[in-house]
Amino acid sequence: MKNQRKLTNEELASFCSQVAVMLKAGITPIEGLRILLSDTQDAKSKALLQAIIDQITEGNSFAESLTRVGVFPEYVLNTLKLGEEAGSIDEVMNSLAEYYDRETQISENIRSAVTYPLIMIGMMLLVIIILITKVLPIFNQVFKQLGAEMTGFAAGLMHFGNTLNSYSVVFIAILVVIVAAFIFFSKSQAGRDLSRKLFMSLPITKKFFDTIAAGRFASGIAIAFSAGLDTFESLDLVGKLVENEKLNKKIEVCRNAILDGDGFAEAIKTAEIFSNVNTRMVAVGFKSGEIETVMRKIADEYERKSEKKISEIISVIEPTLVIILSVIVGLILLSVILPLMGIMSTIG
């Protein structure tokens, strides 16, 4: 199992949720996994569950067994080990299920935000290419029959279209490279890291990724506390999750504040990780002993904010692309139709 790919967020959410239900019902981990194995049809899932069962049968703990199969992220393994020490595996697995459900939703939101504009751009390029390679030559034939020639912008576009037809193999190769780059940036970890850094630096998407990072921080802290970690250990663990340089710096400020003797709520306020309202909620949560609940509510709030920001981004990109396409198509057609109308009026 060591060479198998890491589980996706959706797979992790499903696994953690199912195991949490089994544990809450009083079923031991190995019996719960055997029940899941008997209900599973997918060959890869069966192999994974059997590998975990084999590890537990050899005398390893549940957390150690998940570590040995090599497909679970460090965050799950570290949190689960702490949950075992605290005797709260069922709560930890339930919290992990909620966390990865949220991560799955975030990934889907990001995918929808990126995919739709890319489809629009692809359609826009397709329409333009058809116009300059198929439509303009027809208009050029009309001009020749009327004893004139296309000039200016339209002629330049038609020559460009002829070039596209002449060097179609080259342009197909370029298209293949673009598709390969898209696959690299969307499927590989290195590509996702590069694209994340790019989008984090763009003004239109920067706040969106800051909101996602804050939500991950709140959700991660809730899980860490449920596993029995203290505040400093929780910050150490969550710092590996957020994948946001700006927030990582704030977490470091928060850690230093705690080392200087501040409480968690005061450190959060000093680092300006949350808004003033959410910071006060954290302080109230600590005083009332409901900090896990408060952090989950904050995570839910940031998830709603991220969904709203995606809608705002799409609401800007969609009409912008439509306007650009309309202007380009309009310019191409006008550059042909206006001279043609002039010629027709002269003949008339």
Protein backbone atom coordinates (compact mmCIF):
# COMPACT_ATOMS: atom_id res chain seq x y z
CA MET A 1 0.00 0.00 0.00
CA LYS A 2 2.99 2.31 0.38
CA ASN A 3 2.97 3.28 -3.29
CA GLN A 4 -0.76 3.98 -3.45
CA ARG A 5 -1.89 7.56 -3.90
CA LYS A 6 -3.07 9.61 -0.96
CA LEU A 7 -6.80 9.60 -0.36
CA THR A 8 -8.79 12.56 -1.66
CA ASN A 9 -10.68 14.87 0.68
CA GLU A 10 -13.97 13.25 -0.36
CA GLU A 11 -12.62 9.75 0.36
CA LEU A 12 -11.23 10.90 3.72
CA ALA A 13 -14.56 12.47 4.68
CA SER A 14 -16.43 9.27 3.80
CA PHE A 15 -13.97 7.01 5.66
CA CYS A 16 -13.85 9.17 8.80
CA SER A 17 -17.63 9.56 8.85
CA GLN A 18 -18.30 5.83 8.53
CA VAL A 19 -15.73 4.92 11.19
CA ALA A 20 -17.08 7.61 13.54
CA VAL A 21 -20.60 6.15 13.26
CA MET A 22 -19.27 2.65 14.03
CA LEU A 23 -17.27 3.84 17.04
CA LYS A 24 -20.17 5.86 18.45
CA ALA A 25 -22.32 2.73 18.23
CA GLY A 26 -19.83 0.92 20.47
CA ILE A 27 -18.27 -1.17 17.70
CA THR A 28 -14.50 -1.69 17.90
CA PRO A 29 -12.37 -0.31 15.04
CA ILE A 30 -11.49 -3.74 13.65
CA GLU A 31 -15.12 -4.94 13.71
CA GLY A 32 -16.26 -1.69 12.15
CA LEU A 33 -13.70 -2.05 9.36
CA ARG A 34 -14.84 -5.63 8.73
CA ILE A 35 -18.42 -4.40 8.39
CA LEU A 36 -17.29 -1.73 5.91
CA LEU A 37 -15.26 -4.35 4.03
CA SER A 38 -18.30 -6.60 3.63
CA ASP A 39 -20.35 -3.66 2.23
CA THR A 40 -17.66 -2.33 -0.11
CA GLN A 41 -17.72 -3.21 -3.82
CA ASP A 42 -14.73 -1.17 -5.05
CA ALA A 43 -11.57 -3.30 -5.33
CA LYS A 44 -9.19 -0.54 -4.22
CA SER A 45 -11.32 0.29 -1.19
CA LYS A 46 -11.46 -3.39 -0.27
CA ALA A 47 -7.67 -3.63 -0.51
CA LEU A 48 -7.24 -0.57 1.71
CA LEU A 49 -9.68 -1.77 4.37
CA GLN A 50 -8.11 -5.25 4.36
CA ALA A 51 -4.64 -3.73 4.75
CA ILE A 52 -5.79 -1.73 7.80
CA ILE A 53 -7.47 -4.81 9.29
CA ASP A 54 -4.26 -6.82 8.78
CA GLN A 55 -2.24 -4.16 10.59
CA ILE A 56 -4.64 -4.10 13.55
CA THR A 57 -4.63 -7.93 13.66
CA GLU A 58 -0.84 -7.81 13.99
CA GLY A 59 -1.28 -5.84 17.21
CA ASN A 60 -0.91 -2.24 16.00
CA SER A 61 -3.17 0.51 17.25
CA PHE A 62 -5.79 2.02 14.93
CA ALA A 63 -3.70 5.16 14.36
CA GLU A 64 -0.52 3.14 13.79
CA SER A 65 -2.35 0.88 11.35
CA LEU A 66 -3.50 3.90 9.30
CA THR A 67 0.08 5.18 9.35
CA ARG A 68 1.47 1.90 8.02
CA VAL A 69 -0.88 1.70 5.00
CA GLY A 70 0.61 4.99 3.82
CA VAL A 71 -2.40 6.68 2.19
CA PHE A 72 -3.59 8.99 4.97
CA PRO A 73 -2.28 12.57 5.39
CA GLU A 74 -0.13 13.44 8.40
CA TYR A 75 -2.84 15.69 9.80
CA VAL A 76 -5.25 12.74 10.14
CA LEU A 77 -2.57 10.48 11.63
CA ASN A 78 -1.27 13.02 14.15
CA THR A 79 -4.76 14.02 15.25
CA LEU A 80 -5.90 10.41 15.56
CA LYS A 81 -2.88 9.48 17.69
CA LEU A 82 -3.76 12.29 20.08
CA GLY A 83 -7.39 11.16 20.04
CA GLU A 84 -6.31 7.66 21.05
CA GLU A 85 -4.27 9.04 23.94
CA ALA A 86 -7.24 11.13 25.08
CA GLY A 87 -9.70 8.23 24.62
CA SER A 88 -11.87 10.20 22.20
CA ILE A 89 -11.31 8.51 18.82
CA ASP A 90 -15.00 8.69 17.90
CA GLU A 91 -15.12 12.46 18.48
CA VAL A 92 -11.88 12.98 16.57
CA MET A 93 -13.07 10.90 13.61
CA ASN A 94 -16.34 12.80 13.54
CA SER A 95 -14.47 16.12 13.61
CA LEU A 96 -12.15 14.94 10.84
CA ALA A 97 -15.20 13.91 8.76
CA GLU A 98 -16.67 17.41 9.16
CA TYR A 99 -13.32 18.99 8.31
CA TYR A 100 -12.83 16.99 5.11
CA ASP A 101 -16.47 17.51 4.12
CA ARG A 102 -15.74 21.22 4.33
CA GLU A 103 -12.50 20.80 2.36
CA THR A 104 -14.39 18.88 -0.34
CA GLN A 105 -16.94 21.70 -0.61
CA ILE A 106 -14.15 24.29 -0.81
CA SER A 107 -12.44 22.29 -3.58
CA GLU A 108 -15.69 22.07 -5.52
CA ASN A 109 -16.25 25.80 -5.12
CA ILE A 110 -12.76 26.58 -6.39
CA ARG A 111 -13.19 24.15 -9.29
CA SER A 112 -16.45 25.79 -10.31
CA ALA A 113 -14.90 29.24 -10.04
CA VAL A 114 -12.02 28.23 -12.32
CA THR A 115 -13.79 25.88 -14.74
CA TYR A 116 -16.59 28.21 -15.85
CA PRO A 117 -14.30 31.08 -16.96
CA LEU A 118 -12.01 28.60 -18.72
CA ILE A 119 -14.97 27.18 -20.65
CA MET A 120 -16.05 30.70 -21.56
CA ILE A 121 -12.55 31.58 -22.76
CA GLY A 122 -12.35 28.35 -24.76
CA MET A 123 -15.69 29.09 -26.45
CA MET A 124 -14.61 32.66 -27.12
CA LEU A 125 -11.41 31.51 -28.82
CA LEU A 126 -13.31 28.90 -30.83
CA VAL A 127 -15.81 31.48 -32.14
CA ILE A 128 -13.01 33.89 -33.08
CA ILE A 129 -10.99 31.17 -34.84
CA ILE A 130 -14.04 30.08 -36.85
CA LEU A 131 -14.72 33.69 -37.85
CA ILE A 132 -11.19 34.40 -39.07
CA THR A 133 -10.54 31.01 -40.72
CA LYS A 134 -13.95 30.18 -42.23
CA VAL A 135 -16.18 33.25 -42.36
CA LEU A 136 -13.73 35.95 -43.46
CA PRO A 137 -12.53 33.99 -46.54
CA ILE A 138 -16.17 33.80 -47.70
CA PHE A 139 -16.49 37.57 -47.36
CA ASN A 140 -13.19 37.92 -49.24
CA GLN A 141 -14.65 35.96 -52.14
CA VAL A 142 -17.66 38.32 -52.16
CA PHE A 143 -15.31 41.32 -52.27
CA LYS A 144 -13.41 39.83 -55.22
CA GLN A 145 -16.63 39.16 -57.13
CA LEU A 146 -17.51 42.82 -56.64
CA GLY A 147 -14.09 43.87 -57.93
CA ALA A 148 -12.66 44.97 -54.60
CA GLU A 149 -10.37 43.63 -51.87
CA MET A 150 -10.57 43.42 -48.11
CA THR A 151 -8.33 45.96 -46.42
CA GLY A 152 -7.31 47.12 -42.98
CA PHE A 153 -8.29 45.22 -39.85
CA ALA A 154 -10.35 42.58 -41.68
CA ALA A 155 -7.54 41.82 -44.13
CA GLY A 156 -5.06 41.47 -41.26
CA LEU A 157 -7.35 39.05 -39.47
CA MET A 158 -7.89 37.03 -42.64
CA HIS A 159 -4.13 36.75 -43.22
CA PHE A 160 -3.78 35.60 -39.62
CA GLY A 161 -6.51 33.01 -40.27
CA ASN A 162 -4.63 31.80 -43.35
CA THR A 163 -1.54 31.47 -41.21
CA LEU A 164 -3.51 29.40 -38.71
CA ASN A 165 -4.63 27.09 -41.52
CA SER A 166 -1.11 26.83 -42.96
CA TYR A 167 0.54 26.06 -39.61
CA SER A 168 -2.34 24.15 -38.05
CA VAL A 169 0.02 21.40 -36.82
CA VAL A 170 2.03 23.98 -34.86
CA PHE A 171 -1.09 25.44 -33.30
CA ILE A 172 -2.39 21.97 -32.43
CA ALA A 173 0.93 21.31 -30.70
CA ILE A 174 0.54 24.57 -28.78
CA LEU A 175 -2.99 23.52 -27.82
CA VAL A 176 -1.66 20.17 -26.58
CA VAL A 177 0.92 22.01 -24.45
CA ILE A 178 -1.83 24.23 -23.00
CA VAL A 179 -3.96 21.18 -22.16
CA ALA A 180 -0.92 19.48 -20.60
CA ALA A 181 -0.23 22.61 -18.55
CA PHE A 182 -3.85 22.65 -17.39
CA ILE A 183 -3.60 19.01 -16.30
CA PHE A 184 -0.32 19.76 -14.52
CA PHE A 185 -1.74 22.73 -12.62
CA SER A 186 -4.98 20.95 -11.71
CA LYS A 187 -3.83 17.37 -10.99
CA SER A 188 -0.25 17.45 -9.66
CA GLN A 189 0.68 18.73 -6.21
CA ALA A 190 3.47 20.93 -7.59
CA GLY A 191 1.09 22.43 -10.13
CA ARG A 192 -1.59 23.09 -7.52
CA ASP A 193 0.99 24.78 -5.31
CA LEU A 194 2.08 27.05 -8.16
CA SER A 195 -1.49 27.91 -9.18
CA ARG A 196 -2.39 28.58 -5.53
CA LYS A 197 0.51 31.03 -5.20
CA LEU A 198 -0.58 32.74 -8.43
CA PHE A 199 -4.22 33.12 -7.37
CA MET A 200 -3.20 34.28 -3.90
CA SER A 201 -1.32 37.18 -5.48
CA LEU A 202 -4.17 38.31 -7.77
CA PRO A 203 -6.30 41.14 -6.31
CA ILE A 204 -9.60 39.59 -7.45
CA THR A 205 -8.89 36.20 -5.76
CA LYS A 206 -6.58 37.14 -2.89
CA LYS A 207 -9.35 37.81 -0.35
CA PHE A 208 -11.08 34.59 -1.36
CA PHE A 209 -8.02 32.50 -0.46
CA ASP A 210 -7.53 34.49 2.76
CA THR A 211 -11.12 33.60 3.71
CA ILE A 212 -10.52 29.91 2.94
CA ALA A 213 -7.33 29.94 5.04
CA ALA A 214 -9.14 31.50 8.01
CA GLY A 215 -11.88 28.86 7.76
CA ARG A 216 -9.29 26.07 7.66
CA PHE A 217 -7.61 27.56 10.70
CA ALA A 218 -10.87 27.62 12.68
CA SER A 219 -11.83 24.10 11.61
CA GLY A 220 -8.35 22.73 12.34
CA ILE A 221 -8.24 24.35 15.79
CA ALA A 222 -11.63 22.81 16.64
CA ILE A 223 -10.33 19.33 15.75
CA ALA A 224 -7.06 19.86 17.62
CA PHE A 225 -8.91 20.91 20.77
CA SER A 226 -11.28 17.94 20.47
CA ALA A 227 -8.20 15.67 20.35
CA GLY A 228 -6.95 17.13 23.61
CA LEU A 229 -4.12 19.35 22.36
CA ASP A 230 -3.19 22.51 24.19
CA THR A 231 -3.26 25.84 22.36
CA PHE A 232 0.42 25.88 21.42
CA GLU A 233 0.35 22.33 20.04
CA SER A 234 -2.87 23.13 18.18
CA LEU A 235 -1.25 26.10 16.45
CA ASP A 236 1.73 23.94 15.54
CA LEU A 237 -0.50 21.32 13.90
CA VAL A 238 -2.88 23.72 12.17
CA GLY A 239 -0.01 25.76 10.73
CA LYS A 240 0.67 22.84 8.39
CA LEU A 241 -2.91 22.90 7.06
CA VAL A 242 -3.70 26.45 6.04
CA GLU A 243 -1.31 26.64 3.02
CA ASN A 244 -1.37 30.42 3.17
CA GLU A 245 1.84 32.36 3.73
CA LYS A 246 0.07 35.41 5.11
CA LEU A 247 -1.87 33.39 7.69
CA ASN A 248 1.19 31.32 8.59
CA LYS A 249 2.91 34.55 9.59
CA LYS A 250 -0.09 35.46 11.74
CA ILE A 251 0.01 32.02 13.37
CA GLU A 252 3.67 32.61 14.20
CA VAL A 253 2.72 35.94 15.81
CA CYS A 254 0.02 34.09 17.75
CA ARG A 255 2.49 31.47 18.98
CA ASN A 256 4.95 34.13 20.10
CA ALA A 257 2.19 35.93 21.97
CA ILE A 258 1.29 32.72 23.82
CA LEU A 259 4.98 32.20 24.67
CA ASP A 260 4.96 35.72 26.11
CA GLY A 261 2.14 34.71 28.44
CA ASP A 262 -1.00 35.79 26.55
CA GLY A 263 -4.11 33.60 26.50
CA PHE A 264 -5.32 32.05 23.25
CA ALA A 265 -8.04 34.66 22.69
CA GLU A 266 -5.60 37.53 23.34
CA ALA A 267 -3.05 35.95 21.01
CA ILE A 268 -5.68 35.58 18.27
CA LYS A 269 -6.54 39.25 18.69
CA THR A 270 -2.88 40.30 18.59
CA ALA A 271 -2.27 38.31 15.40
CA GLU A 272 -5.52 39.66 13.81
CA ILE A 273 -6.43 36.21 12.48
CA PHE A 274 -10.19 36.76 12.83
CA SER A 275 -12.46 39.78 12.73
CA ASN A 276 -13.21 41.58 16.01
CA VAL A 277 -16.59 39.84 16.30
CA ASN A 278 -15.11 36.37 15.84
CA THR A 279 -12.25 37.19 18.20
CA ARG A 280 -14.78 38.08 20.91
CA MET A 281 -16.61 34.82 20.16
CA VAL A 282 -13.34 32.93 20.78
CA ALA A 283 -12.90 34.68 24.14
CA VAL A 284 -16.48 33.83 25.15
CA GLY A 285 -15.97 30.24 23.97
CA PHE A 286 -12.94 29.81 26.22
CA LYS A 287 -14.72 31.25 29.23
CA SER A 288 -17.80 29.07 28.70
CA GLY A 289 -15.86 25.90 27.79
CA GLU A 290 -17.47 25.78 24.33
CA ILE A 291 -14.42 26.73 22.29
CA GLU A 292 -14.78 23.74 19.91
CA THR A 293 -18.37 24.70 19.11
CA VAL A 294 -17.39 28.33 18.61
CA MET A 295 -14.52 27.45 16.28
CA ARG A 296 -16.81 25.24 14.18
CA LYS A 297 -19.34 28.06 13.90
CA ILE A 298 -16.57 30.41 12.80
CA ALA A 299 -15.41 27.83 10.22
CA ASP A 300 -19.00 27.57 8.90
CA GLU A 301 -19.19 31.35 8.66
CA TYR A 302 -15.98 31.52 6.63
CA GLU A 303 -17.24 28.74 4.37
CA ARG A 304 -20.35 30.80 3.62
CA LYS A 305 -18.15 33.83 2.99
CA SER A 306 -15.97 31.86 0.56
CA GLU A 307 -19.07 30.71 -1.35
CA LYS A 308 -20.26 34.30 -1.53
CA LYS A 309 -16.88 35.48 -2.79
CA ILE A 310 -16.93 32.81 -5.51
CA SER A 311 -20.33 34.07 -6.63
CA GLU A 312 -18.96 37.62 -6.67
CA ILE A 313 -15.91 36.60 -8.70
CA ILE A 314 -18.03 34.71 -11.24
CA SER A 315 -20.50 37.62 -11.41
CA VAL A 316 -17.58 39.85 -12.46
CA ILE A 317 -15.84 37.42 -14.82
CA GLU A 318 -18.96 36.22 -16.66
CA PRO A 319 -20.19 39.57 -18.03
CA THR A 320 -16.61 40.70 -18.63
CA LEU A 321 -15.91 37.72 -20.90
CA VAL A 322 -19.26 38.14 -22.67
CA ILE A 323 -18.51 41.84 -23.29
CA ILE A 324 -15.00 41.03 -24.60
CA LEU A 325 -16.38 38.36 -26.94
CA SER A 326 -19.15 40.67 -28.17
CA VAL A 327 -16.72 43.52 -28.83
CA ILE A 328 -14.24 41.31 -30.72
CA VAL A 329 -16.92 39.61 -32.83
CA GLY A 330 -18.58 42.98 -33.47
CA LEU A 331 -15.30 44.56 -34.60
CA ILE A 332 -14.59 41.65 -36.95
CA LEU A 333 -18.04 41.77 -38.54
CA LEU A 334 -18.14 45.57 -38.78
CA SER A 335 -14.69 45.64 -40.38
CA VAL A 336 -16.18 43.52 -43.18
CA ILE A 337 -19.79 44.63 -43.38
CA LEU A 338 -19.19 48.42 -43.43
CA PRO A 339 -16.83 48.34 -46.47
CA LEU A 340 -19.17 45.86 -48.14
CA MET A 341 -22.12 48.18 -47.60
CA GLY A 342 -20.07 51.03 -49.06
CA ILE A 343 -19.34 49.00 -52.19
CA MET A 344 -22.99 47.93 -52.56
CA SER A 345 -24.19 51.52 -52.22
CA THR A 346 -21.70 52.62 -54.90
CA ILE A 347 -22.90 49.90 -57.24
CA GLY A 348 -26.53 50.80 -56.48
